[in-house]
Amino acid sequence: MILEVAILNIKEGLSENFEGDFKKAEPIISSMKGYISHKLKKCVEQNDKYILLVNWKTIEDHEIGFRQSKEYQEWKALLHHYYDPFPIVEHYK
């Protein structure tokens, strides 16, 4: 199993909108091959900061199966405009 970790810095004042759009995006990621589970946690110290943790069966399920899919384009359209800066995504085993 691979754990994807992304620190999400949201543009100031847009956290509530981000959370609403993230709820719309959750069915996209959870429908992907190799997806196991995910959690989005809001930072206590910084209001517009989150951590996204996604468990995948393999790194390829994330890097190729998800990121190169048409579903990823939907995910991207819903969420990517909230990030500043764009998140660094790392994988852990």
PDB file of N, CA and C in Angstrom:
ATOM      1  N   MET A   1       0.844  -1.177   0.000  1.00  0.00           N
ATOM      2  CA  MET A   1       0.000   0.000   0.000  1.00  0.00           C
ATOM      3  C   MET A   1       0.888   1.238   0.000  1.00  0.00           C
ATOM      4  N   ILE A   2       0.437   2.268  -0.710  1.00  0.00           N
ATOM      5  CA  ILE A   2       1.148   3.538  -0.823  1.00  0.00           C
ATOM      6  C   ILE A   2       0.279   4.641  -0.223  1.00  0.00           C
ATOM      7  N   LEU A   3       0.901   5.501   0.566  1.00  0.00           N
ATOM      8  CA  LEU A   3       0.210   6.658   1.126  1.00  0.00           C
ATOM      9  C   LEU A   3       0.651   7.909   0.375  1.00  0.00           C
ATOM     10  N   GLU A   4      -0.288   8.555  -0.266  1.00  0.00           N
ATOM     11  CA  GLU A   4      -0.050   9.848  -0.913  1.00  0.00           C
ATOM     12  C   GLU A   4      -0.302  10.934   0.133  1.00  0.00           C
ATOM     13  N   VAL A   5       0.641  11.864   0.250  1.00  0.00           N
ATOM     14  CA  VAL A   5       0.519  12.958   1.219  1.00  0.00           C
ATOM     15  C   VAL A   5       0.666  14.284   0.468  1.00  0.00           C
ATOM     16  N   ALA A   6      -0.331  15.152   0.634  1.00  0.00           N
ATOM     17  CA  ALA A   6      -0.282  16.472   0.004  1.00  0.00           C
ATOM     18  C   ALA A   6      -0.665  17.527   1.034  1.00  0.00           C
ATOM     19  N   ILE A   7       0.172  18.538   1.176  1.00  0.00           N
ATOM     20  CA  ILE A   7      -0.148  19.692   2.008  1.00  0.00           C
ATOM     21  C   ILE A   7      -0.809  20.706   1.083  1.00  0.00           C
ATOM     22  N   LEU A   8      -2.031  21.089   1.428  1.00  0.00           N
ATOM     23  CA  LEU A   8      -2.811  21.976   0.575  1.00  0.00           C
ATOM     24  C   LEU A   8      -2.938  23.349   1.223  1.00  0.00           C
ATOM     25  N   ASN A   9      -2.314  24.344   0.634  1.00  0.00           N
ATOM     26  CA  ASN A   9      -2.452  25.730   1.062  1.00  0.00           C
ATOM     27  C   ASN A   9      -3.498  26.372   0.165  1.00  0.00           C
ATOM     28  N   ILE A  10      -4.596  26.763   0.776  1.00  0.00           N
ATOM     29  CA  ILE A  10      -5.731  27.313   0.048  1.00  0.00           C
ATOM     30  C   ILE A  10      -5.631  28.841   0.055  1.00  0.00           C
ATOM     31  N   LYS A  11      -6.000  29.446  -1.051  1.00  0.00           N
ATOM     32  CA  LYS A  11      -5.988  30.913  -1.129  1.00  0.00           C
ATOM     33  C   LYS A  11      -6.841  31.475   0.007  1.00  0.00           C
ATOM     34  N   GLU A  12      -6.343  32.528   0.596  1.00  0.00           N
ATOM     35  CA  GLU A  12      -6.961  33.113   1.789  1.00  0.00           C
ATOM     36  C   GLU A  12      -8.455  33.381   1.593  1.00  0.00           C
ATOM     37  N   GLY A  13      -9.233  32.911   2.563  1.00  0.00           N
ATOM     38  CA  GLY A  13     -10.666  33.155   2.580  1.00  0.00           C
ATOM     39  C   GLY A  13     -11.501  32.218   1.732  1.00  0.00           C
ATOM     40  N   LEU A  14     -10.867  31.248   1.081  1.00  0.00           N
ATOM     41  CA  LEU A  14     -11.608  30.352   0.196  1.00  0.00           C
ATOM     42  C   LEU A  14     -11.802  28.941   0.766  1.00  0.00           C
ATOM     43  N   SER A  15     -11.472  28.758   2.035  1.00  0.00           N
ATOM     44  CA  SER A  15     -11.548  27.412   2.621  1.00  0.00           C
ATOM     45  C   SER A  15     -12.950  26.822   2.581  1.00  0.00           C
ATOM     46  N   GLU A  16     -13.943  27.626   2.864  1.00  0.00           N
ATOM     47  CA  GLU A  16     -15.320  27.104   2.870  1.00  0.00           C
ATOM     48  C   GLU A  16     -15.728  26.635   1.468  1.00  0.00           C
ATOM     49  N   ASN A  17     -15.394  27.421   0.452  1.00  0.00           N
ATOM     50  CA  ASN A  17     -15.681  27.021  -0.935  1.00  0.00           C
ATOM     51  C   ASN A  17     -14.893  25.769  -1.306  1.00  0.00           C
ATOM     52  N   PHE A  18     -13.626  25.724  -0.899  1.00  0.00           N
ATOM     53  CA  PHE A  18     -12.793  24.551  -1.171  1.00  0.00           C
ATOM     54  C   PHE A  18     -13.420  23.299  -0.565  1.00  0.00           C
ATOM     55  N   GLU A  19     -13.846  23.380   0.688  1.00  0.00           N
ATOM     56  CA  GLU A  19     -14.437  22.220   1.347  1.00  0.00           C
ATOM     57  C   GLU A  19     -15.686  21.742   0.612  1.00  0.00           C
ATOM     58  N   GLY A  20     -16.506  22.663   0.143  1.00  0.00           N
ATOM     59  CA  GLY A  20     -17.696  22.287  -0.619  1.00  0.00           C
ATOM     60  C   GLY A  20     -17.344  21.594  -1.915  1.00  0.00           C
ATOM     61  N   ASP A  21     -16.358  22.138  -2.638  1.00  0.00           N
ATOM     62  CA  ASP A  21     -15.944  21.514  -3.895  1.00  0.00           C
ATOM     63  C   ASP A  21     -15.203  20.206  -3.654  1.00  0.00           C
ATOM     64  N   PHE A  22     -14.492  20.106  -2.535  1.00  0.00           N
ATOM     65  CA  PHE A  22     -13.828  18.835  -2.231  1.00  0.00           C
ATOM     66  C   PHE A  22     -14.874  17.733  -2.042  1.00  0.00           C
ATOM     67  N   LYS A  23     -15.980  18.056  -1.403  1.00  0.00           N
ATOM     68  CA  LYS A  23     -17.051  17.055  -1.233  1.00  0.00           C
ATOM     69  C   LYS A  23     -17.585  16.592  -2.584  1.00  0.00           C
ATOM     70  N   LYS A  24     -17.645  17.503  -3.551  1.00  0.00           N
ATOM     71  CA  LYS A  24     -18.071  17.127  -4.907  1.00  0.00           C
ATOM     72  C   LYS A  24     -17.023  16.254  -5.588  1.00  0.00           C
ATOM     73  N   ALA A  25     -15.747  16.473  -5.246  1.00  0.00           N
ATOM     74  CA  ALA A  25     -14.647  15.748  -5.885  1.00  0.00           C
ATOM     75  C   ALA A  25     -14.404  14.368  -5.273  1.00  0.00           C
ATOM     76  N   GLU A  26     -14.834  14.167  -4.039  1.00  0.00           N
ATOM     77  CA  GLU A  26     -14.569  12.883  -3.371  1.00  0.00           C
ATOM     78  C   GLU A  26     -15.049  11.663  -4.153  1.00  0.00           C
ATOM     79  N   PRO A  27     -16.242  11.677  -4.742  1.00  0.00           N
ATOM     80  CA  PRO A  27     -16.658  10.491  -5.508  1.00  0.00           C
ATOM     81  C   PRO A  27     -15.758  10.194  -6.707  1.00  0.00           C
ATOM     82  N   ILE A  28     -15.103  11.223  -7.228  1.00  0.00           N
ATOM     83  CA  ILE A  28     -14.199  11.021  -8.369  1.00  0.00           C
ATOM     84  C   ILE A  28     -13.024  10.162  -7.948  1.00  0.00           C
ATOM     85  N   ILE A  29     -12.322  10.591  -6.910  1.00  0.00           N
ATOM     86  CA  ILE A  29     -11.126   9.857  -6.503  1.00  0.00           C
ATOM     87  C   ILE A  29     -11.483   8.476  -5.946  1.00  0.00           C
ATOM     88  N   SER A  30     -12.578   8.399  -5.217  1.00  0.00           N
ATOM     89  CA  SER A  30     -12.928   7.117  -4.585  1.00  0.00           C
ATOM     90  C   SER A  30     -13.399   6.072  -5.592  1.00  0.00           C
ATOM     91  N   SER A  31     -13.696   6.495  -6.826  1.00  0.00           N
ATOM     92  CA  SER A  31     -14.116   5.544  -7.855  1.00  0.00           C
ATOM     93  C   SER A  31     -12.946   4.973  -8.650  1.00  0.00           C
ATOM     94  N   MET A  32     -11.740   5.463  -8.398  1.00  0.00           N
ATOM     95  CA  MET A  32     -10.591   5.077  -9.223  1.00  0.00           C
ATOM     96  C   MET A  32     -10.026   3.709  -8.846  1.00  0.00           C
ATOM     97  N   LYS A  33      -9.517   3.022  -9.859  1.00  0.00           N
ATOM     98  CA  LYS A  33      -8.872   1.723  -9.645  1.00  0.00           C
ATOM     99  C   LYS A  33      -7.683   1.911  -8.707  1.00  0.00           C
ATOM    100  N   GLY A  34      -7.566   1.046  -7.715  1.00  0.00           N
ATOM    101  CA  GLY A  34      -6.447   1.097  -6.789  1.00  0.00           C
ATOM    102  C   GLY A  34      -6.650   2.003  -5.595  1.00  0.00           C
ATOM    103  N   TYR A  35      -7.719   2.786  -5.605  1.00  0.00           N
ATOM    104  CA  TYR A  35      -8.032   3.656  -4.464  1.00  0.00           C
ATOM    105  C   TYR A  35      -8.455   2.793  -3.279  1.00  0.00           C
ATOM    106  N   ILE A  36      -7.956   3.140  -2.087  1.00  0.00           N
ATOM    107  CA  ILE A  36      -8.338   2.431  -0.864  1.00  0.00           C
ATOM    108  C   ILE A  36      -9.139   3.349   0.053  1.00  0.00           C
ATOM    109  N   SER A  37      -8.586   4.515   0.387  1.00  0.00           N
ATOM    110  CA  SER A  37      -9.274   5.426   1.303  1.00  0.00           C
ATOM    111  C   SER A  37      -8.593   6.785   1.253  1.00  0.00           C
ATOM    112  N   HIS A  38      -9.263   7.780   1.860  1.00  0.00           N
ATOM    113  CA  HIS A  38      -8.642   9.104   1.959  1.00  0.00           C
ATOM    114  C   HIS A  38      -9.181   9.837   3.182  1.00  0.00           C
ATOM    115  N   LYS A  39      -8.403  10.844   3.607  1.00  0.00           N
ATOM    116  CA  LYS A  39      -8.802  11.745   4.682  1.00  0.00           C
ATOM    117  C   LYS A  39      -8.304  13.134   4.331  1.00  0.00           C
ATOM    118  N   LEU A  40      -9.156  14.114   4.571  1.00  0.00           N
ATOM    119  CA  LEU A  40      -8.772  15.514   4.450  1.00  0.00           C
ATOM    120  C   LEU A  40      -8.868  16.108   5.841  1.00  0.00           C
ATOM    121  N   LYS A  41      -7.761  16.653   6.325  1.00  0.00           N
ATOM    122  CA  LYS A  41      -7.714  17.223   7.673  1.00  0.00           C
ATOM    123  C   LYS A  41      -7.364  18.698   7.590  1.00  0.00           C
ATOM    124  N   LYS A  42      -8.088  19.518   8.345  1.00  0.00           N
ATOM    125  CA  LYS A  42      -7.856  20.963   8.395  1.00  0.00           C
ATOM    126  C   LYS A  42      -6.839  21.285   9.486  1.00  0.00           C
ATOM    127  N   CYS A  43      -5.902  22.137   9.171  1.00  0.00           N
ATOM    128  CA  CYS A  43      -4.874  22.542  10.121  1.00  0.00           C
ATOM    129  C   CYS A  43      -5.488  23.381  11.251  1.00  0.00           C
ATOM    130  N   VAL A  44      -5.055  23.134  12.460  1.00  0.00           N
ATOM    131  CA  VAL A  44      -5.538  23.875  13.621  1.00  0.00           C
ATOM    132  C   VAL A  44      -4.897  25.264  13.683  1.00  0.00           C
ATOM    133  N   GLU A  45      -3.605  25.337  13.377  1.00  0.00           N
ATOM    134  CA  GLU A  45      -2.870  26.597  13.524  1.00  0.00           C
ATOM    135  C   GLU A  45      -3.068  27.564  12.349  1.00  0.00           C
ATOM    136  N   GLN A  46      -3.321  27.033  11.158  1.00  0.00           N
ATOM    137  CA  GLN A  46      -3.448  27.888   9.966  1.00  0.00           C
ATOM    138  C   GLN A  46      -4.795  27.607   9.297  1.00  0.00           C
ATOM    139  N   ASN A  47      -5.629  28.608   9.246  1.00  0.00           N
ATOM    140  CA  ASN A  47      -7.013  28.435   8.812  1.00  0.00           C
ATOM    141  C   ASN A  47      -7.168  27.911   7.385  1.00  0.00           C
ATOM    142  N   ASP A  48      -6.309  28.303   6.480  1.00  0.00           N
ATOM    143  CA  ASP A  48      -6.460  27.920   5.074  1.00  0.00           C
ATOM    144  C   ASP A  48      -5.478  26.830   4.650  1.00  0.00           C
ATOM    145  N   LYS A  49      -5.181  25.910   5.555  1.00  0.00           N
ATOM    146  CA  LYS A  49      -4.225  24.844   5.267  1.00  0.00           C
ATOM    147  C   LYS A  49      -4.841  23.498   5.623  1.00  0.00           C
ATOM    148  N   TYR A  50      -4.586  22.500   4.759  1.00  0.00           N
ATOM    149  CA  TYR A  50      -5.117  21.145   4.930  1.00  0.00           C
ATOM    150  C   TYR A  50      -4.027  20.136   4.614  1.00  0.00           C
ATOM    151  N   ILE A  51      -4.243  18.916   5.066  1.00  0.00           N
ATOM    152  CA  ILE A  51      -3.428  17.793   4.618  1.00  0.00           C
ATOM    153  C   ILE A  51      -4.382  16.774   4.012  1.00  0.00           C
ATOM    154  N   LEU A  52      -4.003  16.264   2.848  1.00  0.00           N
ATOM    155  CA  LEU A  52      -4.771  15.223   2.176  1.00  0.00           C
ATOM    156  C   LEU A  52      -3.952  13.944   2.206  1.00  0.00           C
ATOM    157  N   LEU A  53      -4.550  12.897   2.738  1.00  0.00           N
ATOM    158  CA  LEU A  53      -3.923  11.583   2.831  1.00  0.00           C
ATOM    159  C   LEU A  53      -4.757  10.600   2.013  1.00  0.00           C
ATOM    160  N   VAL A  54      -4.141   9.977   1.015  1.00  0.00           N
ATOM    161  CA  VAL A  54      -4.859   9.023   0.170  1.00  0.00           C
ATOM    162  C   VAL A  54      -4.077   7.722   0.141  1.00  0.00           C
ATOM    163  N   ASN A  55      -4.746   6.633   0.456  1.00  0.00           N
ATOM    164  CA  ASN A  55      -4.144   5.301   0.368  1.00  0.00           C
ATOM    165  C   ASN A  55      -4.478   4.690  -0.987  1.00  0.00           C
ATOM    166  N   TRP A  56      -3.438   4.232  -1.661  1.00  0.00           N
ATOM    167  CA  TRP A  56      -3.552   3.580  -2.966  1.00  0.00           C
ATOM    168  C   TRP A  56      -2.933   2.185  -2.866  1.00  0.00           C
ATOM    169  N   LYS A  57      -3.371   1.274  -3.702  1.00  0.00           N
ATOM    170  CA  LYS A  57      -2.750  -0.061  -3.742  1.00  0.00           C
ATOM    171  C   LYS A  57      -1.313   0.044  -4.236  1.00  0.00           C
ATOM    172  N   THR A  58      -1.093   0.840  -5.303  1.00  0.00           N
ATOM    173  CA  THR A  58       0.258   1.030  -5.853  1.00  0.00           C
ATOM    174  C   THR A  58       0.462   2.495  -6.217  1.00  0.00           C
ATOM    175  N   ILE A  59       1.708   2.890  -6.352  1.00  0.00           N
ATOM    176  CA  ILE A  59       2.004   4.261  -6.775  1.00  0.00           C
ATOM    177  C   ILE A  59       1.509   4.500  -8.201  1.00  0.00           C
ATOM    178  N   GLU A  60       1.535   3.451  -9.028  1.00  0.00           N
ATOM    179  CA  GLU A  60       1.061   3.572 -10.406  1.00  0.00           C
ATOM    180  C   GLU A  60      -0.438   3.864 -10.455  1.00  0.00           C
ATOM    181  N   ASP A  61      -1.185   3.317  -9.494  1.00  0.00           N
ATOM    182  CA  ASP A  61      -2.624   3.610  -9.448  1.00  0.00           C
ATOM    183  C   ASP A  61      -2.859   5.111  -9.302  1.00  0.00           C
ATOM    184  N   HIS A  62      -1.989   5.782  -8.556  1.00  0.00           N
ATOM    185  CA  HIS A  62      -2.120   7.227  -8.404  1.00  0.00           C
ATOM    186  C   HIS A  62      -1.510   7.974  -9.584  1.00  0.00           C
ATOM    187  N   GLU A  63      -0.230   7.713  -9.834  1.00  0.00           N
ATOM    188  CA  GLU A  63       0.533   8.485 -10.813  1.00  0.00           C
ATOM    189  C   GLU A  63       0.051   8.282 -12.254  1.00  0.00           C
ATOM    190  N   ILE A  64      -0.355   7.084 -12.592  1.00  0.00           N
ATOM    191  CA  ILE A  64      -0.777   6.792 -13.970  1.00  0.00           C
ATOM    192  C   ILE A  64      -2.299   6.649 -14.046  1.00  0.00           C
ATOM    193  N   GLY A  65      -2.835   5.721 -13.260  1.00  0.00           N
ATOM    194  CA  GLY A  65      -4.268   5.442 -13.329  1.00  0.00           C
ATOM    195  C   GLY A  65      -5.138   6.652 -13.051  1.00  0.00           C
ATOM    196  N   PHE A  66      -4.807   7.419 -12.016  1.00  0.00           N
ATOM    197  CA  PHE A  66      -5.610   8.588 -11.667  1.00  0.00           C
ATOM    198  C   PHE A  66      -5.169   9.822 -12.438  1.00  0.00           C
ATOM    199  N   ARG A  67      -3.904  10.161 -12.338  1.00  0.00           N
ATOM    200  CA  ARG A  67      -3.436  11.428 -12.918  1.00  0.00           C
ATOM    201  C   ARG A  67      -3.513  11.487 -14.437  1.00  0.00           C
ATOM    202  N   GLN A  68      -3.570  10.347 -15.098  1.00  0.00           N
ATOM    203  CA  GLN A  68      -3.666  10.359 -16.559  1.00  0.00           C
ATOM    204  C   GLN A  68      -5.074  10.026 -17.045  1.00  0.00           C
ATOM    205  N   SER A  69      -6.046  10.123 -16.144  1.00  0.00           N
ATOM    206  CA  SER A  69      -7.424   9.766 -16.496  1.00  0.00           C
ATOM    207  C   SER A  69      -8.258  11.005 -16.823  1.00  0.00           C
ATOM    208  N   LYS A  70      -9.381  10.777 -17.493  1.00  0.00           N
ATOM    209  CA  LYS A  70     -10.324  11.875 -17.747  1.00  0.00           C
ATOM    210  C   LYS A  70     -10.948  12.339 -16.434  1.00  0.00           C
ATOM    211  N   GLU A  71     -11.091  11.440 -15.469  1.00  0.00           N
ATOM    212  CA  GLU A  71     -11.630  11.795 -14.164  1.00  0.00           C
ATOM    213  C   GLU A  71     -10.733  12.805 -13.456  1.00  0.00           C
ATOM    214  N   TYR A  72      -9.428  12.696 -13.661  1.00  0.00           N
ATOM    215  CA  TYR A  72      -8.499  13.645 -13.050  1.00  0.00           C
ATOM    216  C   TYR A  72      -8.751  15.062 -13.561  1.00  0.00           C
ATOM    217  N   GLN A  73      -9.151  15.184 -14.810  1.00  0.00           N
ATOM    218  CA  GLN A  73      -9.450  16.510 -15.366  1.00  0.00           C
ATOM    219  C   GLN A  73     -10.633  17.147 -14.631  1.00  0.00           C
ATOM    220  N   GLU A  74     -11.609  16.336 -14.244  1.00  0.00           N
ATOM    221  CA  GLU A  74     -12.738  16.825 -13.450  1.00  0.00           C
ATOM    222  C   GLU A  74     -12.256  17.261 -12.064  1.00  0.00           C
ATOM    223  N   TRP A  75     -11.428  16.430 -11.432  1.00  0.00           N
ATOM    224  CA  TRP A  75     -10.839  16.724 -10.121  1.00  0.00           C
ATOM    225  C   TRP A  75     -10.076  18.049 -10.185  1.00  0.00           C
ATOM    226  N   LYS A  76      -9.249  18.162 -11.193  1.00  0.00           N
ATOM    227  CA  LYS A  76      -8.426  19.349 -11.393  1.00  0.00           C
ATOM    228  C   LYS A  76      -9.291  20.605 -11.552  1.00  0.00           C
ATOM    229  N   ALA A  77     -10.355  20.515 -12.349  1.00  0.00           N
ATOM    230  CA  ALA A  77     -11.237  21.662 -12.582  1.00  0.00           C
ATOM    231  C   ALA A  77     -11.938  22.091 -11.283  1.00  0.00           C
ATOM    232  N   LEU A  78     -12.277  21.142 -10.441  1.00  0.00           N
ATOM    233  CA  LEU A  78     -12.951  21.456  -9.180  1.00  0.00           C
ATOM    234  C   LEU A  78     -12.014  22.069  -8.144  1.00  0.00           C
ATOM    235  N   LEU A  79     -10.744  21.613  -8.103  1.00  0.00           N
ATOM    236  CA  LEU A  79      -9.900  21.921  -6.948  1.00  0.00           C
ATOM    237  C   LEU A  79      -8.641  22.747  -7.198  1.00  0.00           C
ATOM    238  N   HIS A  80      -8.023  22.609  -8.334  1.00  0.00           N
ATOM    239  CA  HIS A  80      -6.680  23.171  -8.499  1.00  0.00           C
ATOM    240  C   HIS A  80      -6.619  24.686  -8.412  1.00  0.00           C
ATOM    241  N   HIS A  81      -7.684  25.387  -8.716  1.00  0.00           N
ATOM    242  CA  HIS A  81      -7.649  26.852  -8.667  1.00  0.00           C
ATOM    243  C   HIS A  81      -7.630  27.392  -7.232  1.00  0.00           C
ATOM    244  N   TYR A  82      -7.821  26.533  -6.235  1.00  0.00           N
ATOM    245  CA  TYR A  82      -7.776  26.965  -4.834  1.00  0.00           C
ATOM    246  C   TYR A  82      -6.352  27.014  -4.268  1.00  0.00           C
ATOM    247  N   TYR A  83      -5.401  26.324  -4.889  1.00  0.00           N
ATOM    248  CA  TYR A  83      -4.075  26.140  -4.291  1.00  0.00           C
ATOM    249  C   TYR A  83      -3.133  27.311  -4.571  1.00  0.00           C
ATOM    250  N   ASP A  84      -2.432  27.732  -3.523  1.00  0.00           N
ATOM    251  CA  ASP A  84      -1.373  28.734  -3.677  1.00  0.00           C
ATOM    252  C   ASP A  84      -0.403  28.603  -2.513  1.00  0.00           C
ATOM    253  N   PRO A  85       0.767  28.038  -2.770  1.00  0.00           N
ATOM    254  CA  PRO A  85       1.270  27.515  -4.040  1.00  0.00           C
ATOM    255  C   PRO A  85       0.681  26.138  -4.333  1.00  0.00           C
ATOM    256  N   PHE A  86       0.982  25.632  -5.530  1.00  0.00           N
ATOM    257  CA  PHE A  86       0.520  24.296  -5.886  1.00  0.00           C
ATOM    258  C   PHE A  86       1.196  23.289  -4.949  1.00  0.00           C
ATOM    259  N   PRO A  87       0.442  22.311  -4.453  1.00  0.00           N
ATOM    260  CA  PRO A  87       1.001  21.395  -3.450  1.00  0.00           C
ATOM    261  C   PRO A  87       2.080  20.461  -3.988  1.00  0.00           C
ATOM    262  N   ILE A  88       3.005  20.158  -3.105  1.00  0.00           N
ATOM    263  CA  ILE A  88       3.982  19.095  -3.352  1.00  0.00           C
ATOM    264  C   ILE A  88       3.338  17.811  -2.865  1.00  0.00           C
ATOM    265  N   VAL A  89       3.341  16.799  -3.698  1.00  0.00           N
ATOM    266  CA  VAL A  89       2.744  15.510  -3.359  1.00  0.00           C
ATOM    267  C   VAL A  89       3.865  14.497  -3.201  1.00  0.00           C
ATOM    268  N   GLU A  90       3.849  13.785  -2.086  1.00  0.00           N
ATOM    269  CA  GLU A  90       4.856  12.753  -1.832  1.00  0.00           C
ATOM    270  C   GLU A  90       4.147  11.435  -1.541  1.00  0.00           C
ATOM    271  N   HIS A  91       4.903  10.354  -1.724  1.00  0.00           N
ATOM    272  CA  HIS A  91       4.368   9.013  -1.503  1.00  0.00           C
ATOM    273  C   HIS A  91       5.202   8.290  -0.444  1.00  0.00           C
ATOM    274  N   TYR A  92       4.520   7.541   0.397  1.00  0.00           N
ATOM    275  CA  TYR A  92       5.165   6.814   1.493  1.00  0.00           C
ATOM    276  C   TYR A  92       4.686   5.371   1.486  1.00  0.00           C
ATOM    277  N   LYS A  93       5.593   4.480   1.923  1.00  0.00           N
ATOM    278  CA  LYS A  93       5.217   3.063   2.040  1.00  0.00           C
ATOM    279  C   LYS A  93       5.357   2.576   3.443  1.00  0.00           C
TER     280      LYS A  93
END
